[in-house]
Amino acid sequence: MNTENIKLEAAFAELETIVERLEMGDTPLDDLLQQYERGIHLIAECRKQLQAAEQRVLQLTPNPDGTTSLDPFEE
């Protein structure tokens, strides 16, 4: 299964399932390696989506010279 376009919540849920299977200790080696590789791809996709979300959460900040800049949102 491809990890592109998977929703973040679905990726996290699948990662939890993979971890549970791996922790059981009764997974055959070939399946274990496939699940591990799938988990690595899911983690990369989650990281990509989280970084994209962070970029979207920016605020427009006025500069002293009258221009504006996009800065990370801070409370």
N, C-alpha and C. Protein backbone atom coordinates (compact mmCIF):
# COMPACT_ATOMS: atom_id res chain seq x y z
N MET A 1 0.84 -1.19 0.00
CA MET A 1 0.00 0.00 0.00
C MET A 1 0.88 1.24 0.00
N ASN A 2 0.55 2.18 -0.85
CA ASN A 2 1.29 3.41 -0.99
C ASN A 2 0.98 4.34 0.18
N THR A 3 1.98 5.08 0.63
CA THR A 3 1.75 5.99 1.75
C THR A 3 1.37 7.39 1.30
N GLU A 4 1.52 7.71 0.01
CA GLU A 4 1.16 9.03 -0.46
C GLU A 4 -0.34 9.24 -0.32
N ASN A 5 -0.71 10.42 0.07
CA ASN A 5 -2.11 10.82 0.21
C ASN A 5 -2.86 10.10 1.33
N ILE A 6 -2.16 9.43 2.22
CA ILE A 6 -2.82 8.83 3.37
C ILE A 6 -3.01 9.92 4.41
N LYS A 7 -4.17 9.95 5.02
CA LYS A 7 -4.44 10.98 6.04
C LYS A 7 -3.56 10.72 7.26
N LEU A 8 -3.19 11.79 7.91
CA LEU A 8 -2.30 11.71 9.06
C LEU A 8 -2.85 10.78 10.13
N GLU A 9 -4.12 10.92 10.43
CA GLU A 9 -4.73 10.09 11.48
C GLU A 9 -4.70 8.62 11.10
N ALA A 10 -4.94 8.33 9.82
CA ALA A 10 -4.91 6.94 9.36
C ALA A 10 -3.49 6.38 9.43
N ALA A 11 -2.50 7.22 9.11
CA ALA A 11 -1.10 6.78 9.19
C ALA A 11 -0.72 6.47 10.63
N PHE A 12 -1.12 7.34 11.57
CA PHE A 12 -0.83 7.08 12.98
C PHE A 12 -1.50 5.79 13.47
N ALA A 13 -2.74 5.59 13.06
CA ALA A 13 -3.46 4.38 13.47
C ALA A 13 -2.76 3.14 12.91
N GLU A 14 -2.33 3.20 11.67
CA GLU A 14 -1.63 2.05 11.08
C GLU A 14 -0.30 1.82 11.77
N LEU A 15 0.40 2.90 12.10
CA LEU A 15 1.66 2.75 12.84
C LEU A 15 1.44 2.07 14.18
N GLU A 16 0.38 2.45 14.88
CA GLU A 16 0.07 1.81 16.17
C GLU A 16 -0.17 0.32 15.98
N THR A 17 -0.88 -0.05 14.94
CA THR A 17 -1.16 -1.45 14.66
C THR A 17 0.14 -2.19 14.36
N ILE A 18 1.00 -1.59 13.57
CA ILE A 18 2.28 -2.21 13.24
C ILE A 18 3.11 -2.43 14.50
N VAL A 19 3.18 -1.42 15.36
CA VAL A 19 3.95 -1.54 16.60
C VAL A 19 3.39 -2.67 17.47
N GLU A 20 2.07 -2.74 17.59
CA GLU A 20 1.47 -3.81 18.38
C GLU A 20 1.85 -5.19 17.84
N ARG A 21 1.80 -5.34 16.51
CA ARG A 21 2.17 -6.63 15.90
C ARG A 21 3.63 -6.97 16.17
N LEU A 22 4.49 -5.97 16.02
CA LEU A 22 5.91 -6.21 16.23
C LEU A 22 6.23 -6.53 17.69
N GLU A 23 5.50 -5.90 18.61
CA GLU A 23 5.74 -6.15 20.03
C GLU A 23 5.27 -7.53 20.46
N MET A 24 4.34 -8.12 19.72
CA MET A 24 3.87 -9.45 20.07
C MET A 24 4.99 -10.48 19.99
N GLY A 25 5.90 -10.28 19.07
CA GLY A 25 7.05 -11.17 18.97
C GLY A 25 6.81 -12.46 18.22
N ASP A 26 5.62 -12.68 17.69
CA ASP A 26 5.34 -13.93 17.00
C ASP A 26 5.21 -13.74 15.48
N THR A 27 5.69 -12.60 14.98
CA THR A 27 5.62 -12.30 13.56
C THR A 27 6.79 -12.96 12.84
N PRO A 28 6.54 -13.70 11.75
CA PRO A 28 7.64 -14.27 10.98
C PRO A 28 8.58 -13.18 10.48
N LEU A 29 9.85 -13.52 10.29
CA LEU A 29 10.87 -12.55 9.94
C LEU A 29 10.53 -11.77 8.67
N ASP A 30 10.08 -12.45 7.63
CA ASP A 30 9.74 -11.74 6.39
C ASP A 30 8.63 -10.73 6.62
N ASP A 31 7.60 -11.12 7.36
CA ASP A 31 6.50 -10.19 7.67
C ASP A 31 6.99 -9.05 8.55
N LEU A 32 7.87 -9.37 9.48
CA LEU A 32 8.43 -8.37 10.37
C LEU A 32 9.16 -7.30 9.57
N LEU A 33 9.97 -7.71 8.61
CA LEU A 33 10.71 -6.77 7.79
C LEU A 33 9.78 -5.92 6.93
N GLN A 34 8.74 -6.54 6.38
CA GLN A 34 7.77 -5.79 5.58
C GLN A 34 7.04 -4.75 6.43
N GLN A 35 6.64 -5.16 7.63
CA GLN A 35 5.95 -4.23 8.52
C GLN A 35 6.87 -3.09 8.95
N TYR A 36 8.13 -3.43 9.22
CA TYR A 36 9.11 -2.41 9.60
C TYR A 36 9.28 -1.40 8.47
N GLU A 37 9.44 -1.88 7.25
CA GLU A 37 9.60 -1.00 6.09
C GLU A 37 8.36 -0.12 5.89
N ARG A 38 7.19 -0.72 6.06
CA ARG A 38 5.95 0.04 5.94
C ARG A 38 5.91 1.14 7.00
N GLY A 39 6.32 0.81 8.20
CA GLY A 39 6.36 1.79 9.28
C GLY A 39 7.29 2.96 8.97
N ILE A 40 8.44 2.65 8.39
CA ILE A 40 9.40 3.71 8.02
C ILE A 40 8.77 4.64 6.99
N HIS A 41 8.08 4.08 6.00
CA HIS A 41 7.42 4.91 4.98
C HIS A 41 6.30 5.75 5.60
N LEU A 42 5.55 5.17 6.53
CA LEU A 42 4.48 5.91 7.19
C LEU A 42 5.04 7.06 8.02
N ILE A 43 6.13 6.81 8.72
CA ILE A 43 6.76 7.86 9.52
C ILE A 43 7.22 9.01 8.63
N ALA A 44 7.81 8.68 7.49
CA ALA A 44 8.26 9.72 6.56
C ALA A 44 7.08 10.53 6.05
N GLU A 45 5.98 9.88 5.74
CA GLU A 45 4.79 10.58 5.26
C GLU A 45 4.20 11.46 6.36
N CYS A 46 4.17 10.95 7.58
CA CYS A 46 3.67 11.76 8.71
C CYS A 46 4.53 13.00 8.90
N ARG A 47 5.82 12.83 8.85
CA ARG A 47 6.75 13.95 9.01
C ARG A 47 6.50 14.99 7.92
N LYS A 48 6.32 14.52 6.69
CA LYS A 48 6.07 15.43 5.56
C LYS A 48 4.78 16.21 5.78
N GLN A 49 3.73 15.52 6.22
CA GLN A 49 2.44 16.19 6.44
C GLN A 49 2.52 17.18 7.60
N LEU A 50 3.22 16.81 8.66
CA LEU A 50 3.35 17.72 9.80
C LEU A 50 4.15 18.96 9.43
N GLN A 51 5.19 18.79 8.63
CA GLN A 51 5.96 19.95 8.19
C GLN A 51 5.11 20.86 7.30
N ALA A 52 4.30 20.27 6.44
CA ALA A 52 3.41 21.06 5.59
C ALA A 52 2.39 21.82 6.44
N ALA A 53 1.87 21.18 7.46
CA ALA A 53 0.91 21.84 8.34
C ALA A 53 1.58 23.00 9.09
N GLU A 54 2.81 22.79 9.51
CA GLU A 54 3.54 23.85 10.22
C GLU A 54 3.72 25.06 9.31
N GLN A 55 4.00 24.82 8.05
CA GLN A 55 4.16 25.93 7.11
C GLN A 55 2.86 26.70 6.92
N ARG A 56 1.75 26.01 7.02
CA ARG A 56 0.45 26.66 6.87
C ARG A 56 0.08 27.49 8.09
N VAL A 57 0.66 27.18 9.24
CA VAL A 57 0.35 27.91 10.47
C VAL A 57 1.40 29.00 10.66
N LEU A 58 1.31 29.97 9.81
CA LEU A 58 2.20 31.12 9.88
C LEU A 58 1.35 32.36 10.06
N GLN A 59 1.93 33.38 10.59
CA GLN A 59 1.20 34.63 10.77
C GLN A 59 1.89 35.74 9.98
N LEU A 60 1.10 36.64 9.50
CA LEU A 60 1.60 37.79 8.78
C LEU A 60 2.02 38.83 9.81
N THR A 61 3.29 39.20 9.78
CA THR A 61 3.83 40.14 10.77
C THR A 61 4.27 41.43 10.08
N PRO A 62 3.79 42.57 10.58
CA PRO A 62 4.24 43.85 9.99
C PRO A 62 5.69 44.15 10.38
N ASN A 63 6.45 44.65 9.43
CA ASN A 63 7.84 45.04 9.67
C ASN A 63 7.91 46.56 9.84
N PRO A 64 8.95 47.07 10.49
CA PRO A 64 9.09 48.52 10.69
C PRO A 64 9.10 49.32 9.38
N ASP A 65 9.55 48.70 8.31
CA ASP A 65 9.62 49.44 7.03
C ASP A 65 8.31 49.43 6.26
N GLY A 66 7.25 48.91 6.86
CA GLY A 66 5.94 48.91 6.24
C GLY A 66 5.62 47.64 5.46
N THR A 67 6.59 46.78 5.27
CA THR A 67 6.34 45.51 4.59
C THR A 67 5.85 44.49 5.61
N THR A 68 5.46 43.35 5.13
CA THR A 68 5.04 42.27 6.03
C THR A 68 5.87 41.03 5.74
N SER A 69 5.95 40.15 6.72
CA SER A 69 6.65 38.88 6.55
C SER A 69 5.84 37.77 7.22
N LEU A 70 6.04 36.57 6.75
CA LEU A 70 5.39 35.40 7.35
C LEU A 70 6.33 34.84 8.42
N ASP A 71 5.82 34.75 9.62
CA ASP A 71 6.60 34.24 10.74
C ASP A 71 5.84 33.11 11.42
N PRO A 72 6.53 32.22 12.09
CA PRO A 72 5.82 31.16 12.82
C PRO A 72 4.85 31.77 13.81
N PHE A 73 3.71 31.13 13.95
CA PHE A 73 2.68 31.59 14.87
C PHE A 73 3.15 31.37 16.29
N GLU A 74 3.09 32.42 17.10
CA GLU A 74 3.44 32.32 18.50
C GLU A 74 2.32 32.94 19.32
N GLU A 75 1.97 32.29 20.40
CA GLU A 75 0.92 32.82 21.27
C GLU A 75 1.48 33.80 22.26
